[in-house]
Amino acid sequence: MTGLTQPIDAQRLTLILNDLRLPAIKHNWPEMAARSDKEGWPAARFLAALAEHEIAEHEIAERDRRRIERHLGEARLPPGKTLDSFAFDAVPMISRAQIMAICAGDGWLEQGANIILFGPPGGGKSHLAAAIGLALIENGWRVLFARTSDLVQRLQVARRELTLEAAIAKLDKYHLLILDDMAYVTKDQAETSVLFELISARYEQRSMLITANQPFGEWNRIFPDPAMTLAAVDRLVHHATIFEMNVESYRRRTAVQRRAGAGRPPTYATIKTVERSTPSDNQTDT
């Protein structure tokens, strides 16, 4: 093979392997070919080595796909909440680049660090939390999404059955626990006690992402004991990234836009309604 034909043949081979959807062979063949030439492999051995690499890569990819599907099933994420459908332009205090770095999960999840999203109802907190959870699962991490009040009720049942410690330990398998609507937990000694035990158990061990309507100064509405409030906040913020999403409710904004457009000509109103309703559909939040 001459020096002129070799690069042309390599380019053709790359195109062919792309068409055949054989990424492992496309990636590995130059190195394998060099080794084959150096060691004088027969053609059959060269082809067998390439095929083995392709099979191994395919098995790994299939195993990863099944794992992601399994983790998505157990995560209980609300459907349709993705980073692509999150309107970053409507929440200017949220940096897309920073969120993408968070979604890699490297570092902060291993350290048991937390994320806290503050803001009024309808500002996109739940959407962003679920979207981060989805991206983390796709990157190999395990996530559980739960309304705080629902999880607290399950932990209360575990306490009555004398299995609270085991129930909390079972949550350790999740690298990230998303607690949505923290502020809606009833100010009840039994409820807030199990919530505090959960926060304490995960402190510096496993990460939490919390959405809340009220700032820390109003968390005495959640925890009846001021000392417990202080201790809970202290543990959550020690290693935390905090976002304040103080924006107008998407639902309220869309309702105003729809009312404002009611008297326009039908063709114009229909186009605007479709265009403006999309952020609301994508940004449903509590």
C-alpha atoms as a PDB file:
ATOM      1  CA  MET A   1       0.000   0.000   0.000  1.00  0.00           C
ATOM      2  CA  THR A   2       1.528   3.342  -1.021  1.00  0.00           C
ATOM      3  CA  GLY A   3       1.660   6.483   1.078  1.00  0.00           C
ATOM      4  CA  LEU A   4      -0.928   8.125  -1.214  1.00  0.00           C
ATOM      5  CA  THR A   5      -3.551   5.404  -0.970  1.00  0.00           C
ATOM      6  CA  GLN A   6      -3.190   4.690   2.759  1.00  0.00           C
ATOM      7  CA  PRO A   7      -4.902   7.863   4.101  1.00  0.00           C
ATOM      8  CA  ILE A   8      -7.614   7.529   1.444  1.00  0.00           C
ATOM      9  CA  ASP A   9      -8.293   3.941   2.493  1.00  0.00           C
ATOM     10  CA  ALA A  10      -8.349   4.974   6.170  1.00  0.00           C
ATOM     11  CA  GLN A  11     -10.911   7.664   5.439  1.00  0.00           C
ATOM     12  CA  ARG A  12     -13.060   5.203   3.490  1.00  0.00           C
ATOM     13  CA  LEU A  13     -12.832   2.684   6.335  1.00  0.00           C
ATOM     14  CA  THR A  14     -13.943   5.310   8.851  1.00  0.00           C
ATOM     15  CA  LEU A  15     -16.982   6.154   6.718  1.00  0.00           C
ATOM     16  CA  ILE A  16     -17.847   2.491   6.276  1.00  0.00           C
ATOM     17  CA  LEU A  17     -17.593   1.793  10.002  1.00  0.00           C
ATOM     18  CA  ASN A  18     -19.794   4.797  10.698  1.00  0.00           C
ATOM     19  CA  ASP A  19     -22.417   3.464   8.285  1.00  0.00           C
ATOM     20  CA  LEU A  20     -22.223   0.017   9.894  1.00  0.00           C
ATOM     21  CA  ARG A  21     -22.445   1.552  13.378  1.00  0.00           C
ATOM     22  CA  LEU A  22     -19.326  -0.154  14.670  1.00  0.00           C
ATOM     23  CA  PRO A  23     -17.838   2.541  16.947  1.00  0.00           C
ATOM     24  CA  ALA A  24     -15.514   0.221  18.857  1.00  0.00           C
ATOM     25  CA  ILE A  25     -13.856  -1.080  15.710  1.00  0.00           C
ATOM     26  CA  LYS A  26     -13.600   2.473  14.332  1.00  0.00           C
ATOM     27  CA  HIS A  27     -11.853   3.540  17.520  1.00  0.00           C
ATOM     28  CA  ASN A  28      -9.583   0.530  17.933  1.00  0.00           C
ATOM     29  CA  TRP A  29      -8.578  -0.536  14.427  1.00  0.00           C
ATOM     30  CA  PRO A  30      -5.568   1.815  13.934  1.00  0.00           C
ATOM     31  CA  GLU A  31      -3.877   0.575  17.107  1.00  0.00           C
ATOM     32  CA  MET A  32      -4.805  -3.041  16.402  1.00  0.00           C
ATOM     33  CA  ALA A  33      -3.593  -2.752  12.797  1.00  0.00           C
ATOM     34  CA  ALA A  34      -0.238  -1.358  13.933  1.00  0.00           C
ATOM     35  CA  ARG A  35       0.164  -4.233  16.377  1.00  0.00           C
ATOM     36  CA  SER A  36      -0.893  -6.740  13.716  1.00  0.00           C
ATOM     37  CA  ASP A  37       1.708  -5.388  11.284  1.00  0.00           C
ATOM     38  CA  LYS A  38       4.410  -5.414  13.954  1.00  0.00           C
ATOM     39  CA  GLU A  39       3.686  -8.941  15.185  1.00  0.00           C
ATOM     40  CA  GLY A  40       2.737 -10.426  11.824  1.00  0.00           C
ATOM     41  CA  TRP A  41      -0.769 -11.546  12.731  1.00  0.00           C
ATOM     42  CA  PRO A  42      -2.759 -13.584  10.223  1.00  0.00           C
ATOM     43  CA  ALA A  43      -5.781 -11.755   8.840  1.00  0.00           C
ATOM     44  CA  ALA A  44      -8.169 -14.004  10.791  1.00  0.00           C
ATOM     45  CA  ARG A  45      -6.541 -13.130  14.111  1.00  0.00           C
ATOM     46  CA  PHE A  46      -6.691  -9.415  13.295  1.00  0.00           C
ATOM     47  CA  LEU A  47     -10.402  -9.635  12.457  1.00  0.00           C
ATOM     48  CA  ALA A  48     -11.118 -11.734  15.559  1.00  0.00           C
ATOM     49  CA  ALA A  49      -9.387  -9.188  17.814  1.00  0.00           C
ATOM     50  CA  LEU A  50     -11.439  -6.345  16.335  1.00  0.00           C
ATOM     51  CA  ALA A  51     -14.678  -8.316  16.699  1.00  0.00           C
ATOM     52  CA  GLU A  52     -13.909  -9.137  20.353  1.00  0.00           C
ATOM     53  CA  HIS A  53     -13.405  -5.456  21.112  1.00  0.00           C
ATOM     54  CA  GLU A  54     -16.695  -4.586  19.396  1.00  0.00           C
ATOM     55  CA  ILE A  55     -18.579  -7.259  21.352  1.00  0.00           C
ATOM     56  CA  ALA A  56     -17.041  -6.091  24.641  1.00  0.00           C
ATOM     57  CA  GLU A  57     -17.925  -2.465  23.928  1.00  0.00           C
ATOM     58  CA  HIS A  58     -21.464  -3.432  22.958  1.00  0.00           C
ATOM     59  CA  GLU A  59     -21.931  -5.459  26.149  1.00  0.00           C
ATOM     60  CA  ILE A  60     -20.670  -2.582  28.272  1.00  0.00           C
ATOM     61  CA  ALA A  61     -22.962  -0.125  26.501  1.00  0.00           C
ATOM     62  CA  GLU A  62     -25.942  -2.452  26.907  1.00  0.00           C
ATOM     63  CA  ARG A  63     -25.159  -2.960  30.586  1.00  0.00           C
ATOM     64  CA  ASP A  64     -24.938   0.811  31.070  1.00  0.00           C
ATOM     65  CA  ARG A  65     -28.267   1.282  29.278  1.00  0.00           C
ATOM     66  CA  ARG A  66     -30.008  -1.270  31.483  1.00  0.00           C
ATOM     67  CA  ARG A  67     -28.523   0.285  34.595  1.00  0.00           C
ATOM     68  CA  ILE A  68     -29.714   3.758  33.627  1.00  0.00           C
ATOM     69  CA  GLU A  69     -33.200   2.426  32.894  1.00  0.00           C
ATOM     70  CA  ARG A  70     -33.277   0.716  36.293  1.00  0.00           C
ATOM     71  CA  HIS A  71     -32.099   3.837  38.100  1.00  0.00           C
ATOM     72  CA  LEU A  72     -34.601   6.004  36.235  1.00  0.00           C
ATOM     73  CA  GLY A  73     -37.382   3.661  37.297  1.00  0.00           C
ATOM     74  CA  GLU A  74     -36.470   3.864  40.968  1.00  0.00           C
ATOM     75  CA  ALA A  75     -35.789   7.631  40.970  1.00  0.00           C
ATOM     76  CA  ARG A  76     -39.489   8.612  40.686  1.00  0.00           C
ATOM     77  CA  LEU A  77     -38.666  11.786  38.807  1.00  0.00           C
ATOM     78  CA  PRO A  78     -41.606  13.838  37.518  1.00  0.00           C
ATOM     79  CA  PRO A  79     -41.848  13.343  33.745  1.00  0.00           C
ATOM     80  CA  GLY A  80     -40.791  15.908  31.189  1.00  0.00           C
ATOM     81  CA  LYS A  81     -38.461  17.908  33.429  1.00  0.00           C
ATOM     82  CA  THR A  82     -35.186  18.218  31.528  1.00  0.00           C
ATOM     83  CA  LEU A  83     -32.443  20.801  31.240  1.00  0.00           C
ATOM     84  CA  ASP A  84     -33.345  21.314  27.583  1.00  0.00           C
ATOM     85  CA  SER A  85     -36.890  22.309  28.552  1.00  0.00           C
ATOM     86  CA  PHE A  86     -35.814  24.552  31.439  1.00  0.00           C
ATOM     87  CA  ALA A  87     -36.069  28.253  30.495  1.00  0.00           C
ATOM     88  CA  PHE A  88     -32.733  29.564  31.745  1.00  0.00           C
ATOM     89  CA  ASP A  89     -33.477  32.963  30.201  1.00  0.00           C
ATOM     90  CA  ALA A  90     -36.456  33.344  32.556  1.00  0.00           C
ATOM     91  CA  VAL A  91     -34.269  32.665  35.613  1.00  0.00           C
ATOM     92  CA  PRO A  92     -31.223  34.879  35.001  1.00  0.00           C
ATOM     93  CA  MET A  93     -29.672  34.139  38.399  1.00  0.00           C
ATOM     94  CA  ILE A  94     -29.151  30.508  37.352  1.00  0.00           C
ATOM     95  CA  SER A  95     -26.043  29.883  35.242  1.00  0.00           C
ATOM     96  CA  ARG A  96     -26.419  27.137  32.668  1.00  0.00           C
ATOM     97  CA  ALA A  97     -22.668  26.482  32.850  1.00  0.00           C
ATOM     98  CA  GLN A  98     -22.777  26.057  36.620  1.00  0.00           C
ATOM     99  CA  ILE A  99     -25.753  23.705  36.410  1.00  0.00           C
ATOM    100  CA  MET A 100     -24.010  21.629  33.743  1.00  0.00           C
ATOM    101  CA  ALA A 101     -20.974  21.337  36.032  1.00  0.00           C
ATOM    102  CA  ILE A 102     -23.247  20.234  38.883  1.00  0.00           C
ATOM    103  CA  CYS A 103     -24.817  17.601  36.627  1.00  0.00           C
ATOM    104  CA  ALA A 104     -21.448  15.918  36.176  1.00  0.00           C
ATOM    105  CA  GLY A 105     -21.650  15.047  39.880  1.00  0.00           C
ATOM    106  CA  ASP A 106     -17.897  14.816  40.290  1.00  0.00           C
ATOM    107  CA  GLY A 107     -16.537  16.028  43.590  1.00  0.00           C
ATOM    108  CA  TRP A 108     -19.597  17.390  45.344  1.00  0.00           C
ATOM    109  CA  LEU A 109     -21.533  14.112  45.439  1.00  0.00           C
ATOM    110  CA  GLU A 110     -18.485  12.239  46.658  1.00  0.00           C
ATOM    111  CA  GLN A 111     -18.127  14.785  49.479  1.00  0.00           C
ATOM    112  CA  GLY A 112     -21.784  14.626  50.492  1.00  0.00           C
ATOM    113  CA  ALA A 113     -22.358  18.294  49.621  1.00  0.00           C
ATOM    114  CA  ASN A 114     -25.858  19.748  49.209  1.00  0.00           C
ATOM    115  CA  ILE A 115     -27.822  22.005  46.865  1.00  0.00           C
ATOM    116  CA  ILE A 116     -30.624  24.259  48.087  1.00  0.00           C
ATOM    117  CA  LEU A 117     -33.082  26.016  45.772  1.00  0.00           C
ATOM    118  CA  PHE A 118     -35.055  28.886  47.297  1.00  0.00           C
ATOM    119  CA  GLY A 119     -37.842  30.811  45.630  1.00  0.00           C
ATOM    120  CA  PRO A 120     -41.574  31.495  45.480  1.00  0.00           C
ATOM    121  CA  PRO A 121     -44.032  28.943  44.076  1.00  0.00           C
ATOM    122  CA  GLY A 122     -43.987  28.574  40.304  1.00  0.00           C
ATOM    123  CA  GLY A 123     -40.401  29.724  39.831  1.00  0.00           C
ATOM    124  CA  GLY A 124     -39.044  26.474  38.385  1.00  0.00           C
ATOM    125  CA  LYS A 125     -37.428  24.947  41.497  1.00  0.00           C
ATOM    126  CA  SER A 126     -38.972  21.506  41.107  1.00  0.00           C
ATOM    127  CA  HIS A 127     -38.277  21.484  37.373  1.00  0.00           C
ATOM    128  CA  LEU A 128     -34.614  22.334  37.873  1.00  0.00           C
ATOM    129  CA  ALA A 129     -34.243  19.834  40.716  1.00  0.00           C
ATOM    130  CA  ALA A 130     -35.743  17.029  38.624  1.00  0.00           C
ATOM    131  CA  ALA A 131     -33.660  18.001  35.585  1.00  0.00           C
ATOM    132  CA  ILE A 132     -30.464  17.867  37.633  1.00  0.00           C
ATOM    133  CA  GLY A 133     -31.524  14.483  38.974  1.00  0.00           C
ATOM    134  CA  LEU A 134     -32.143  13.165  35.460  1.00  0.00           C
ATOM    135  CA  ALA A 135     -28.763  14.374  34.199  1.00  0.00           C
ATOM    136  CA  LEU A 136     -26.990  12.804  37.174  1.00  0.00           C
ATOM    137  CA  ILE A 137     -28.659   9.445  36.522  1.00  0.00           C
ATOM    138  CA  GLU A 138     -27.544   9.594  32.895  1.00  0.00           C
ATOM    139  CA  ASN A 139     -24.015  10.179  34.205  1.00  0.00           C
ATOM    140  CA  GLY A 140     -24.130   7.062  36.361  1.00  0.00           C
ATOM    141  CA  TRP A 141     -25.327   8.337  39.755  1.00  0.00           C
ATOM    142  CA  ARG A 142     -28.325   7.118  41.757  1.00  0.00           C
ATOM    143  CA  VAL A 143     -31.054   9.618  42.663  1.00  0.00           C
ATOM    144  CA  LEU A 144     -34.374   9.575  44.501  1.00  0.00           C
ATOM    145  CA  PHE A 145     -36.946  12.365  44.082  1.00  0.00           C
ATOM    146  CA  ALA A 146     -39.629  12.727  46.757  1.00  0.00           C
ATOM    147  CA  ARG A 147     -42.038  15.284  48.121  1.00  0.00           C
ATOM    148  CA  THR A 148     -40.702  15.995  51.585  1.00  0.00           C
ATOM    149  CA  SER A 149     -44.064  15.436  53.275  1.00  0.00           C
ATOM    150  CA  ASP A 150     -44.475  12.023  51.585  1.00  0.00           C
ATOM    151  CA  LEU A 151     -41.031  10.825  52.610  1.00  0.00           C
ATOM    152  CA  VAL A 152     -41.506  12.105  56.148  1.00  0.00           C
ATOM    153  CA  GLN A 153     -44.749  10.142  56.433  1.00  0.00           C
ATOM    154  CA  ARG A 154     -42.968   6.971  55.322  1.00  0.00           C
ATOM    155  CA  LEU A 155     -40.244   7.555  57.893  1.00  0.00           C
ATOM    156  CA  GLN A 156     -42.871   8.100  60.591  1.00  0.00           C
ATOM    157  CA  VAL A 157     -44.352   4.711  59.775  1.00  0.00           C
ATOM    158  CA  ALA A 158     -40.866   3.212  60.027  1.00  0.00           C
ATOM    159  CA  ARG A 159     -40.421   4.819  63.437  1.00  0.00           C
ATOM    160  CA  ARG A 160     -43.675   3.351  64.711  1.00  0.00           C
ATOM    161  CA  GLU A 161     -42.536  -0.039  63.441  1.00  0.00           C
ATOM    162  CA  LEU A 162     -39.121   0.439  65.125  1.00  0.00           C
ATOM    163  CA  THR A 163     -37.331   0.329  61.750  1.00  0.00           C
ATOM    164  CA  LEU A 164     -36.444   4.012  61.309  1.00  0.00           C
ATOM    165  CA  GLU A 165     -32.684   3.459  61.413  1.00  0.00           C
ATOM    166  CA  ALA A 166     -32.943   0.768  58.744  1.00  0.00           C
ATOM    167  CA  ALA A 167     -35.225   2.935  56.587  1.00  0.00           C
ATOM    168  CA  ILE A 168     -32.776   5.836  56.678  1.00  0.00           C
ATOM    169  CA  ALA A 169     -29.841   3.511  56.016  1.00  0.00           C
ATOM    170  CA  LYS A 170     -31.686   2.155  52.971  1.00  0.00           C
ATOM    171  CA  LEU A 171     -31.631   5.661  51.481  1.00  0.00           C
ATOM    172  CA  ASP A 172     -27.827   5.605  51.565  1.00  0.00           C
ATOM    173  CA  LYS A 173     -27.790   3.820  48.215  1.00  0.00           C
ATOM    174  CA  TYR A 174     -28.880   7.080  46.608  1.00  0.00           C
ATOM    175  CA  HIS A 175     -26.033   9.476  45.947  1.00  0.00           C
ATOM    176  CA  LEU A 176     -28.574  12.319  45.841  1.00  0.00           C
ATOM    177  CA  LEU A 177     -31.856  12.588  47.716  1.00  0.00           C
ATOM    178  CA  ILE A 178     -34.105  15.333  46.299  1.00  0.00           C
ATOM    179  CA  LEU A 179     -36.550  16.676  48.887  1.00  0.00           C
ATOM    180  CA  ASP A 180     -39.144  18.789  47.102  1.00  0.00           C
ATOM    181  CA  ASP A 181     -41.344  21.319  48.970  1.00  0.00           C
ATOM    182  CA  MET A 182     -39.495  21.336  52.282  1.00  0.00           C
ATOM    183  CA  ALA A 183     -41.702  24.115  53.631  1.00  0.00           C
ATOM    184  CA  TYR A 184     -44.887  22.033  53.378  1.00  0.00           C
ATOM    185  CA  VAL A 185     -43.909  19.660  56.152  1.00  0.00           C
ATOM    186  CA  THR A 186     -46.381  19.973  59.035  1.00  0.00           C
ATOM    187  CA  LYS A 187     -44.957  21.634  62.108  1.00  0.00           C
ATOM    188  CA  ASP A 188     -45.347  18.536  64.218  1.00  0.00           C
ATOM    189  CA  GLN A 189     -42.795  17.141  66.648  1.00  0.00           C
ATOM    190  CA  ALA A 190     -43.010  13.618  65.219  1.00  0.00           C
ATOM    191  CA  GLU A 191     -42.648  14.714  61.591  1.00  0.00           C
ATOM    192  CA  THR A 192     -39.839  17.193  62.105  1.00  0.00           C
ATOM    193  CA  SER A 193     -37.991  14.789  64.367  1.00  0.00           C
ATOM    194  CA  VAL A 194     -37.651  12.116  61.654  1.00  0.00           C
ATOM    195  CA  LEU A 195     -36.757  14.812  59.104  1.00  0.00           C
ATOM    196  CA  PHE A 196     -33.988  16.043  61.371  1.00  0.00           C
ATOM    197  CA  GLU A 197     -32.704  12.495  61.854  1.00  0.00           C
ATOM    198  CA  LEU A 198     -32.591  12.055  58.073  1.00  0.00           C
ATOM    199  CA  ILE A 199     -30.636  15.308  57.628  1.00  0.00           C
ATOM    200  CA  SER A 200     -28.240  14.320  60.417  1.00  0.00           C
ATOM    201  CA  ALA A 201     -27.689  10.826  59.019  1.00  0.00           C
ATOM    202  CA  ARG A 202     -26.783  12.126  55.554  1.00  0.00           C
ATOM    203  CA  TYR A 203     -24.601  14.975  56.825  1.00  0.00           C
ATOM    204  CA  GLU A 204     -21.197  14.763  55.094  1.00  0.00           C
ATOM    205  CA  GLN A 205     -22.072  11.248  53.922  1.00  0.00           C
ATOM    206  CA  ARG A 206     -24.681  11.588  51.179  1.00  0.00           C
ATOM    207  CA  SER A 207     -25.941  14.616  49.279  1.00  0.00           C
ATOM    208  CA  MET A 208     -29.355  16.277  49.392  1.00  0.00           C
ATOM    209  CA  LEU A 209     -31.060  18.703  47.027  1.00  0.00           C
ATOM    210  CA  ILE A 210     -33.791  20.681  48.749  1.00  0.00           C
ATOM    211  CA  THR A 211     -36.395  23.023  47.294  1.00  0.00           C
ATOM    212  CA  ALA A 212     -38.118  25.455  49.629  1.00  0.00           C
ATOM    213  CA  ASN A 213     -40.393  28.474  49.363  1.00  0.00           C
ATOM    214  CA  GLN A 214     -39.199  30.087  52.596  1.00  0.00           C
ATOM    215  CA  PRO A 215     -35.678  31.276  53.432  1.00  0.00           C
ATOM    216  CA  PHE A 216     -33.834  29.853  56.429  1.00  0.00           C
ATOM    217  CA  GLY A 217     -35.118  32.648  58.653  1.00  0.00           C
ATOM    218  CA  GLU A 218     -38.636  31.214  58.399  1.00  0.00           C
ATOM    219  CA  TRP A 219     -37.734  27.571  58.944  1.00  0.00           C
ATOM    220  CA  ASN A 220     -39.003  27.815  62.513  1.00  0.00           C
ATOM    221  CA  ARG A 221     -42.326  27.077  60.799  1.00  0.00           C
ATOM    222  CA  ILE A 222     -40.923  23.653  59.923  1.00  0.00           C
ATOM    223  CA  PHE A 223     -39.068  22.758  63.105  1.00  0.00           C
ATOM    224  CA  PRO A 224     -40.898  23.554  66.363  1.00  0.00           C
ATOM    225  CA  ASP A 225     -37.682  23.603  68.385  1.00  0.00           C
ATOM    226  CA  PRO A 226     -35.369  26.597  67.643  1.00  0.00           C
ATOM    227  CA  ALA A 227     -32.322  24.514  68.544  1.00  0.00           C
ATOM    228  CA  MET A 228     -33.386  21.828  66.059  1.00  0.00           C
ATOM    229  CA  THR A 229     -33.928  24.481  63.383  1.00  0.00           C
ATOM    230  CA  LEU A 230     -30.438  25.871  63.922  1.00  0.00           C
ATOM    231  CA  ALA A 231     -28.849  22.411  63.904  1.00  0.00           C
ATOM    232  CA  ALA A 232     -30.690  21.350  60.740  1.00  0.00           C
ATOM    233  CA  VAL A 233     -29.756  24.531  58.851  1.00  0.00           C
ATOM    234  CA  ASP A 234     -26.147  24.264  60.063  1.00  0.00           C
ATOM    235  CA  ARG A 235     -25.794  20.741  58.675  1.00  0.00           C
ATOM    236  CA  LEU A 236     -27.440  21.572  55.357  1.00  0.00           C
ATOM    237  CA  VAL A 237     -25.413  24.709  54.594  1.00  0.00           C
ATOM    238  CA  HIS A 238     -22.022  23.501  55.823  1.00  0.00           C
ATOM    239  CA  HIS A 239     -21.215  22.096  52.365  1.00  0.00           C
ATOM    240  CA  ALA A 240     -23.866  23.605  50.124  1.00  0.00           C
ATOM    241  CA  THR A 241     -24.493  25.525  46.928  1.00  0.00           C
ATOM    242  CA  ILE A 242     -27.500  27.810  47.382  1.00  0.00           C
ATOM    243  CA  PHE A 243     -29.583  29.300  44.573  1.00  0.00           C
ATOM    244  CA  GLU A 244     -32.212  31.986  45.145  1.00  0.00           C
ATOM    245  CA  MET A 245     -34.733  31.788  42.299  1.00  0.00           C
ATOM    246  CA  ASN A 246     -36.721  34.925  43.025  1.00  0.00           C
ATOM    247  CA  VAL A 247     -38.672  35.163  39.777  1.00  0.00           C
ATOM    248  CA  GLU A 248     -42.306  35.579  38.837  1.00  0.00           C
ATOM    249  CA  SER A 249     -44.398  32.420  38.731  1.00  0.00           C
ATOM    250  CA  TYR A 250     -44.547  30.902  35.246  1.00  0.00           C
ATOM    251  CA  ARG A 251     -48.175  29.958  35.821  1.00  0.00           C
ATOM    252  CA  ARG A 252     -49.129  33.486  36.853  1.00  0.00           C
ATOM    253  CA  ARG A 253     -47.209  35.066  33.988  1.00  0.00           C
ATOM    254  CA  THR A 254     -48.818  32.757  31.434  1.00  0.00           C
ATOM    255  CA  ALA A 255     -52.299  33.426  32.823  1.00  0.00           C
ATOM    256  CA  VAL A 256     -51.745  37.178  32.487  1.00  0.00           C
ATOM    257  CA  GLN A 257     -50.455  36.752  28.942  1.00  0.00           C
ATOM    258  CA  ARG A 258     -53.470  34.682  27.979  1.00  0.00           C
ATOM    259  CA  ARG A 259     -55.886  37.241  29.404  1.00  0.00           C
ATOM    260  CA  ALA A 260     -54.044  40.072  27.672  1.00  0.00           C
ATOM    261  CA  GLY A 261     -54.296  38.284  24.326  1.00  0.00           C
ATOM    262  CA  ALA A 262     -57.995  37.405  24.575  1.00  0.00           C
ATOM    263  CA  GLY A 263     -59.206  40.297  22.387  1.00  0.00           C
ATOM    264  CA  ARG A 264     -56.728  39.873  19.535  1.00  0.00           C
ATOM    265  CA  PRO A 265     -57.680  38.476  16.136  1.00  0.00           C
ATOM    266  CA  PRO A 266     -57.940  34.668  16.256  1.00  0.00           C
ATOM    267  CA  THR A 267     -55.011  33.914  13.951  1.00  0.00           C
ATOM    268  CA  TYR A 268     -52.654  36.181  15.893  1.00  0.00           C
ATOM    269  CA  ALA A 269     -53.929  35.069  19.300  1.00  0.00           C
ATOM    270  CA  THR A 270     -53.537  31.386  18.423  1.00  0.00           C
ATOM    271  CA  ILE A 271     -49.907  31.794  17.388  1.00  0.00           C
ATOM    272  CA  LYS A 272     -49.027  33.789  20.498  1.00  0.00           C
ATOM    273  CA  THR A 273     -50.830  31.415  22.815  1.00  0.00           C
ATOM    274  CA  VAL A 274     -48.854  28.439  21.496  1.00  0.00           C
ATOM    275  CA  GLU A 275     -45.558  30.268  21.685  1.00  0.00           C
ATOM    276  CA  ARG A 276     -46.098  31.647  25.170  1.00  0.00           C
ATOM    277  CA  SER A 277     -47.646  28.596  26.742  1.00  0.00           C
ATOM    278  CA  THR A 278     -44.524  26.495  26.252  1.00  0.00           C
ATOM    279  CA  PRO A 279     -42.516  27.913  29.229  1.00  0.00           C
ATOM    280  CA  SER A 280     -45.475  27.256  31.528  1.00  0.00           C
ATOM    281  CA  ASP A 281     -45.799  23.676  30.382  1.00  0.00           C
ATOM    282  CA  ASN A 282     -42.098  23.116  30.869  1.00  0.00           C
ATOM    283  CA  GLN A 283     -41.715  25.009  34.147  1.00  0.00           C
ATOM    284  CA  THR A 284     -44.435  23.664  36.404  1.00  0.00           C
ATOM    285  CA  ASP A 285     -43.279  24.024  39.975  1.00  0.00           C
ATOM    286  CA  THR A 286     -44.639  24.078  43.422  1.00  0.00           C
END
